[in-house]
């Protein structure tokens, strides 16, 4: 899949087939995540891959909008060291993971982590030391649905040349 096509066609998927994802594919997806842009090349990210159904069920129950994590065969959890640009860096890594998974024919959905009341519970559940920030949980699996782009604002309404103008 070409990069531009992958970026333009990626959608959030919340229904997954009961089909495992190969370890080699997961490793490739994480590899793409670790190559994301990062301020001062600090690379503050850490990635926890959860395939255990019992732990995924617990993750789903803890989150407020991630109940589908329990049916996805994989959940990738992105944590960060507490650096000045931790959120920007690890959001870039998360986006890379979403697009890489799509390029592998997988579906994903980003579940928020930063600033969520459940962040410490997730961190403790997967054994991450204190001092790391939860950035995102990413459900990953073969899609059982094919969502379409809904209500995306047209390019002409968000693109401004030279100065901002209300359209």
C-alpha atoms as a PDB file:
ATOM      1  CA  UNK A   1       0.000   0.000   0.000  1.00  0.00           C
ATOM      2  CA  UNK A   2       1.366   3.412  -0.956  1.00  0.00           C
ATOM      3  CA  UNK A   3       1.935   5.869   1.916  1.00  0.00           C
ATOM      4  CA  UNK A   4      -0.536   8.523   0.735  1.00  0.00           C
ATOM      5  CA  UNK A   5      -3.204   5.895   0.126  1.00  0.00           C
ATOM      6  CA  UNK A   6      -2.634   4.409   3.597  1.00  0.00           C
ATOM      7  CA  UNK A   7      -2.966   7.833   5.201  1.00  0.00           C
ATOM      8  CA  UNK A   8      -6.110   8.725   3.246  1.00  0.00           C
ATOM      9  CA  UNK A   9      -7.931   5.415   3.743  1.00  0.00           C
ATOM     10  CA  UNK A  10      -7.165   4.589   7.386  1.00  0.00           C
ATOM     11  CA  UNK A  11     -10.286   4.561   9.570  1.00  0.00           C
ATOM     12  CA  UNK A  12     -11.059   3.690  13.180  1.00  0.00           C
ATOM     13  CA  UNK A  13     -12.232   0.089  13.485  1.00  0.00           C
ATOM     14  CA  UNK A  14     -14.145  -1.161  16.514  1.00  0.00           C
ATOM     15  CA  UNK A  15     -15.125  -4.658  15.347  1.00  0.00           C
ATOM     16  CA  UNK A  16     -12.528  -7.359  14.791  1.00  0.00           C
ATOM     17  CA  UNK A  17     -12.345 -10.897  13.466  1.00  0.00           C
ATOM     18  CA  UNK A  18     -11.324 -13.669  15.855  1.00  0.00           C
ATOM     19  CA  UNK A  19      -7.999 -14.106  14.076  1.00  0.00           C
ATOM     20  CA  UNK A  20      -4.545 -13.704  15.636  1.00  0.00           C
ATOM     21  CA  UNK A  21      -2.006 -11.216  14.325  1.00  0.00           C
ATOM     22  CA  UNK A  22       1.445 -12.632  13.600  1.00  0.00           C
ATOM     23  CA  UNK A  23       4.201 -11.573  16.001  1.00  0.00           C
ATOM     24  CA  UNK A  24       6.375 -10.490  13.048  1.00  0.00           C
ATOM     25  CA  UNK A  25       3.612  -8.106  11.878  1.00  0.00           C
ATOM     26  CA  UNK A  26       3.242  -6.635  15.364  1.00  0.00           C
ATOM     27  CA  UNK A  27       6.993  -6.130  15.576  1.00  0.00           C
ATOM     28  CA  UNK A  28       7.016  -4.367  12.205  1.00  0.00           C
ATOM     29  CA  UNK A  29       4.196  -2.068  13.341  1.00  0.00           C
ATOM     30  CA  UNK A  30       6.047  -1.191  16.570  1.00  0.00           C
ATOM     31  CA  UNK A  31       9.226  -0.660  14.558  1.00  0.00           C
ATOM     32  CA  UNK A  32       7.407   1.956  12.479  1.00  0.00           C
ATOM     33  CA  UNK A  33       6.115   3.558  15.692  1.00  0.00           C
ATOM     34  CA  UNK A  34       9.595   3.880  17.173  1.00  0.00           C
ATOM     35  CA  UNK A  35      10.774   5.678  14.019  1.00  0.00           C
ATOM     36  CA  UNK A  36       8.332   8.573  14.521  1.00  0.00           C
ATOM     37  CA  UNK A  37       9.426  12.180  14.683  1.00  0.00           C
ATOM     38  CA  UNK A  38      10.631  13.129  18.147  1.00  0.00           C
ATOM     39  CA  UNK A  39      11.804  16.395  19.713  1.00  0.00           C
ATOM     40  CA  UNK A  40      15.570  16.437  20.221  1.00  0.00           C
ATOM     41  CA  UNK A  41      15.590  12.748  19.264  1.00  0.00           C
ATOM     42  CA  UNK A  42      14.626  11.865  22.861  1.00  0.00           C
ATOM     43  CA  UNK A  43      12.463   8.908  21.788  1.00  0.00           C
ATOM     44  CA  UNK A  44      10.580   8.866  25.115  1.00  0.00           C
ATOM     45  CA  UNK A  45       8.222   6.032  24.118  1.00  0.00           C
ATOM     46  CA  UNK A  46       7.765   2.523  25.419  1.00  0.00           C
ATOM     47  CA  UNK A  47       5.321   0.065  23.844  1.00  0.00           C
ATOM     48  CA  UNK A  48       3.505  -2.703  25.705  1.00  0.00           C
ATOM     49  CA  UNK A  49       1.824  -5.306  23.488  1.00  0.00           C
ATOM     50  CA  UNK A  50      -1.037  -7.179  25.132  1.00  0.00           C
ATOM     51  CA  UNK A  51      -2.386 -10.311  23.473  1.00  0.00           C
ATOM     52  CA  UNK A  52      -3.635 -12.081  26.610  1.00  0.00           C
ATOM     53  CA  UNK A  53      -7.460 -12.108  26.469  1.00  0.00           C
ATOM     54  CA  UNK A  54      -7.869 -11.748  30.234  1.00  0.00           C
ATOM     55  CA  UNK A  55      -5.681  -8.636  30.390  1.00  0.00           C
ATOM     56  CA  UNK A  56      -7.390  -7.140  27.307  1.00  0.00           C
ATOM     57  CA  UNK A  57     -10.738  -7.677  29.019  1.00  0.00           C
ATOM     58  CA  UNK A  58      -9.462  -5.810  32.081  1.00  0.00           C
ATOM     59  CA  UNK A  59      -8.165  -2.978  29.871  1.00  0.00           C
ATOM     60  CA  UNK A  60     -11.557  -2.741  28.170  1.00  0.00           C
ATOM     61  CA  UNK A  61     -13.348  -2.568  31.521  1.00  0.00           C
ATOM     62  CA  UNK A  62     -11.022   0.147  32.868  1.00  0.00           C
ATOM     63  CA  UNK A  63     -11.324   2.483  29.866  1.00  0.00           C
ATOM     64  CA  UNK A  64     -14.371   4.620  29.272  1.00  0.00           C
ATOM     65  CA  UNK A  65     -14.454   4.379  25.442  1.00  0.00           C
ATOM     66  CA  UNK A  66     -12.405   1.260  24.732  1.00  0.00           C
ATOM     67  CA  UNK A  67     -14.778  -1.636  25.362  1.00  0.00           C
ATOM     68  CA  UNK A  68     -13.848  -3.139  21.963  1.00  0.00           C
ATOM     69  CA  UNK A  69     -10.282  -3.743  23.216  1.00  0.00           C
ATOM     70  CA  UNK A  70     -11.624  -7.011  24.617  1.00  0.00           C
ATOM     71  CA  UNK A  71     -12.443  -8.352  21.129  1.00  0.00           C
ATOM     72  CA  UNK A  72      -9.327  -7.092  19.337  1.00  0.00           C
ATOM     73  CA  UNK A  73      -6.605  -9.760  19.383  1.00  0.00           C
ATOM     74  CA  UNK A  74      -3.932  -7.159  20.181  1.00  0.00           C
ATOM     75  CA  UNK A  75      -3.744  -3.995  22.238  1.00  0.00           C
ATOM     76  CA  UNK A  76      -0.653  -1.832  21.884  1.00  0.00           C
ATOM     77  CA  UNK A  77      -0.231   0.543  24.792  1.00  0.00           C
ATOM     78  CA  UNK A  78       2.012   3.574  24.332  1.00  0.00           C
ATOM     79  CA  UNK A  79       3.726   5.022  27.381  1.00  0.00           C
ATOM     80  CA  UNK A  80       6.187   7.879  27.637  1.00  0.00           C
ATOM     81  CA  UNK A  81       8.929   9.094  29.874  1.00  0.00           C
ATOM     82  CA  UNK A  82       8.009  12.507  31.252  1.00  0.00           C
ATOM     83  CA  UNK A  83       9.736  14.814  28.781  1.00  0.00           C
ATOM     84  CA  UNK A  84       8.831  18.301  27.613  1.00  0.00           C
ATOM     85  CA  UNK A  85       7.236  17.085  24.375  1.00  0.00           C
ATOM     86  CA  UNK A  86       6.040  13.651  25.519  1.00  0.00           C
ATOM     87  CA  UNK A  87       2.531  14.079  24.134  1.00  0.00           C
ATOM     88  CA  UNK A  88       3.634  15.299  20.714  1.00  0.00           C
ATOM     89  CA  UNK A  89       6.311  12.616  20.376  1.00  0.00           C
ATOM     90  CA  UNK A  90       4.130   9.711  21.439  1.00  0.00           C
ATOM     91  CA  UNK A  91       1.122  10.933  19.470  1.00  0.00           C
ATOM     92  CA  UNK A  92       3.364  10.850  16.394  1.00  0.00           C
ATOM     93  CA  UNK A  93       4.398   7.291  17.292  1.00  0.00           C
ATOM     94  CA  UNK A  94       0.745   6.343  17.792  1.00  0.00           C
ATOM     95  CA  UNK A  95      -0.220   7.745  14.391  1.00  0.00           C
ATOM     96  CA  UNK A  96       2.636   5.835  12.763  1.00  0.00           C
ATOM     97  CA  UNK A  97       1.329   2.646  14.389  1.00  0.00           C
ATOM     98  CA  UNK A  98      -2.203   3.283  13.112  1.00  0.00           C
ATOM     99  CA  UNK A  99      -1.018   3.783   9.537  1.00  0.00           C
ATOM    100  CA  UNK A 100       1.476   0.884   9.618  1.00  0.00           C
ATOM    101  CA  UNK A 101      -1.228  -1.472  10.879  1.00  0.00           C
ATOM    102  CA  UNK A 102      -3.555  -0.312   8.093  1.00  0.00           C
ATOM    103  CA  UNK A 103      -0.810  -0.940   5.532  1.00  0.00           C
ATOM    104  CA  UNK A 104      -0.660  -4.523   6.870  1.00  0.00           C
ATOM    105  CA  UNK A 105      -4.412  -4.924   6.305  1.00  0.00           C
ATOM    106  CA  UNK A 106      -5.281  -4.493   9.970  1.00  0.00           C
ATOM    107  CA  UNK A 107      -7.831  -2.270  11.646  1.00  0.00           C
ATOM    108  CA  UNK A 108      -7.075  -0.074  14.654  1.00  0.00           C
ATOM    109  CA  UNK A 109      -8.709   2.343  17.019  1.00  0.00           C
ATOM    110  CA  UNK A 110      -6.885   4.875  19.195  1.00  0.00           C
ATOM    111  CA  UNK A 111      -8.192   5.080  22.760  1.00  0.00           C
ATOM    112  CA  UNK A 112      -7.081   8.096  24.767  1.00  0.00           C
ATOM    113  CA  UNK A 113      -4.731   7.723  27.689  1.00  0.00           C
ATOM    114  CA  UNK A 114      -3.173  11.055  28.620  1.00  0.00           C
ATOM    115  CA  UNK A 115      -5.139  12.979  31.243  1.00  0.00           C
ATOM    116  CA  UNK A 116      -7.558  10.062  31.768  1.00  0.00           C
ATOM    117  CA  UNK A 117      -8.504   9.122  35.326  1.00  0.00           C
ATOM    118  CA  UNK A 118      -7.732   5.481  34.548  1.00  0.00           C
ATOM    119  CA  UNK A 119      -4.129   6.103  33.403  1.00  0.00           C
ATOM    120  CA  UNK A 120      -2.489   4.869  36.617  1.00  0.00           C
ATOM    121  CA  UNK A 121      -4.687   1.753  36.722  1.00  0.00           C
ATOM    122  CA  UNK A 122      -3.611   0.836  33.181  1.00  0.00           C
ATOM    123  CA  UNK A 123       0.041   1.542  34.010  1.00  0.00           C
ATOM    124  CA  UNK A 124      -0.124  -0.680  37.100  1.00  0.00           C
ATOM    125  CA  UNK A 125      -2.015  -3.472  35.301  1.00  0.00           C
ATOM    126  CA  UNK A 126       0.756  -3.912  32.733  1.00  0.00           C
ATOM    127  CA  UNK A 127       3.625  -3.349  35.171  1.00  0.00           C
ATOM    128  CA  UNK A 128       4.927   0.002  33.957  1.00  0.00           C
ATOM    129  CA  UNK A 129       6.916   1.871  36.641  1.00  0.00           C
ATOM    130  CA  UNK A 130       5.726   5.119  38.184  1.00  0.00           C
ATOM    131  CA  UNK A 131       6.888   8.159  36.241  1.00  0.00           C
ATOM    132  CA  UNK A 132       5.714   6.975  32.828  1.00  0.00           C
ATOM    133  CA  UNK A 133       2.680   8.582  31.242  1.00  0.00           C
ATOM    134  CA  UNK A 134      -0.037   6.649  29.442  1.00  0.00           C
ATOM    135  CA  UNK A 135      -0.488   8.140  25.982  1.00  0.00           C
ATOM    136  CA  UNK A 136      -2.710   5.734  24.087  1.00  0.00           C
ATOM    137  CA  UNK A 137      -4.176   2.277  23.877  1.00  0.00           C
ATOM    138  CA  UNK A 138      -4.504   0.962  20.337  1.00  0.00           C
ATOM    139  CA  UNK A 139      -6.844  -1.908  19.547  1.00  0.00           C
ATOM    140  CA  UNK A 140      -5.401  -3.895  16.634  1.00  0.00           C
ATOM    141  CA  UNK A 141      -6.838  -6.747  14.594  1.00  0.00           C
ATOM    142  CA  UNK A 142      -8.273  -7.896  11.312  1.00  0.00           C
ATOM    143  CA  UNK A 143     -11.341  -5.727  10.694  1.00  0.00           C
ATOM    144  CA  UNK A 144     -14.834  -7.202  10.808  1.00  0.00           C
ATOM    145  CA  UNK A 145     -16.196  -3.919   9.450  1.00  0.00           C
ATOM    146  CA  UNK A 146     -15.167  -1.378   6.847  1.00  0.00           C
ATOM    147  CA  UNK A 147     -15.924   2.098   8.201  1.00  0.00           C
ATOM    148  CA  UNK A 148     -16.143   4.991   5.780  1.00  0.00           C
ATOM    149  CA  UNK A 149     -15.051   8.566   6.278  1.00  0.00           C
ATOM    150  CA  UNK A 150     -17.854  10.352   8.075  1.00  0.00           C
ATOM    151  CA  UNK A 151     -18.262  14.079   8.148  1.00  0.00           C
ATOM    152  CA  UNK A 152     -14.677  14.907   7.265  1.00  0.00           C
ATOM    153  CA  UNK A 153     -14.397  18.614   6.612  1.00  0.00           C
ATOM    154  CA  UNK A 154     -13.613  19.409   2.975  1.00  0.00           C
ATOM    155  CA  UNK A 155     -10.087  20.567   2.210  1.00  0.00           C
ATOM    156  CA  UNK A 156     -11.335  23.986   1.068  1.00  0.00           C
ATOM    157  CA  UNK A 157     -12.796  24.640   4.542  1.00  0.00           C
ATOM    158  CA  UNK A 158      -9.604  23.907   6.489  1.00  0.00           C
ATOM    159  CA  UNK A 159      -6.885  25.159   4.143  1.00  0.00           C
ATOM    160  CA  UNK A 160      -5.811  28.786   4.473  1.00  0.00           C
ATOM    161  CA  UNK A 161      -3.231  30.434   2.216  1.00  0.00           C
ATOM    162  CA  UNK A 162      -1.065  33.219   3.616  1.00  0.00           C
ATOM    163  CA  UNK A 163      -3.511  34.110   6.441  1.00  0.00           C
ATOM    164  CA  UNK A 164      -6.463  32.645   8.260  1.00  0.00           C
ATOM    165  CA  UNK A 165      -9.886  33.471   6.864  1.00  0.00           C
ATOM    166  CA  UNK A 166     -13.261  32.173   8.062  1.00  0.00           C
ATOM    167  CA  UNK A 167     -14.939  30.286   5.212  1.00  0.00           C
END
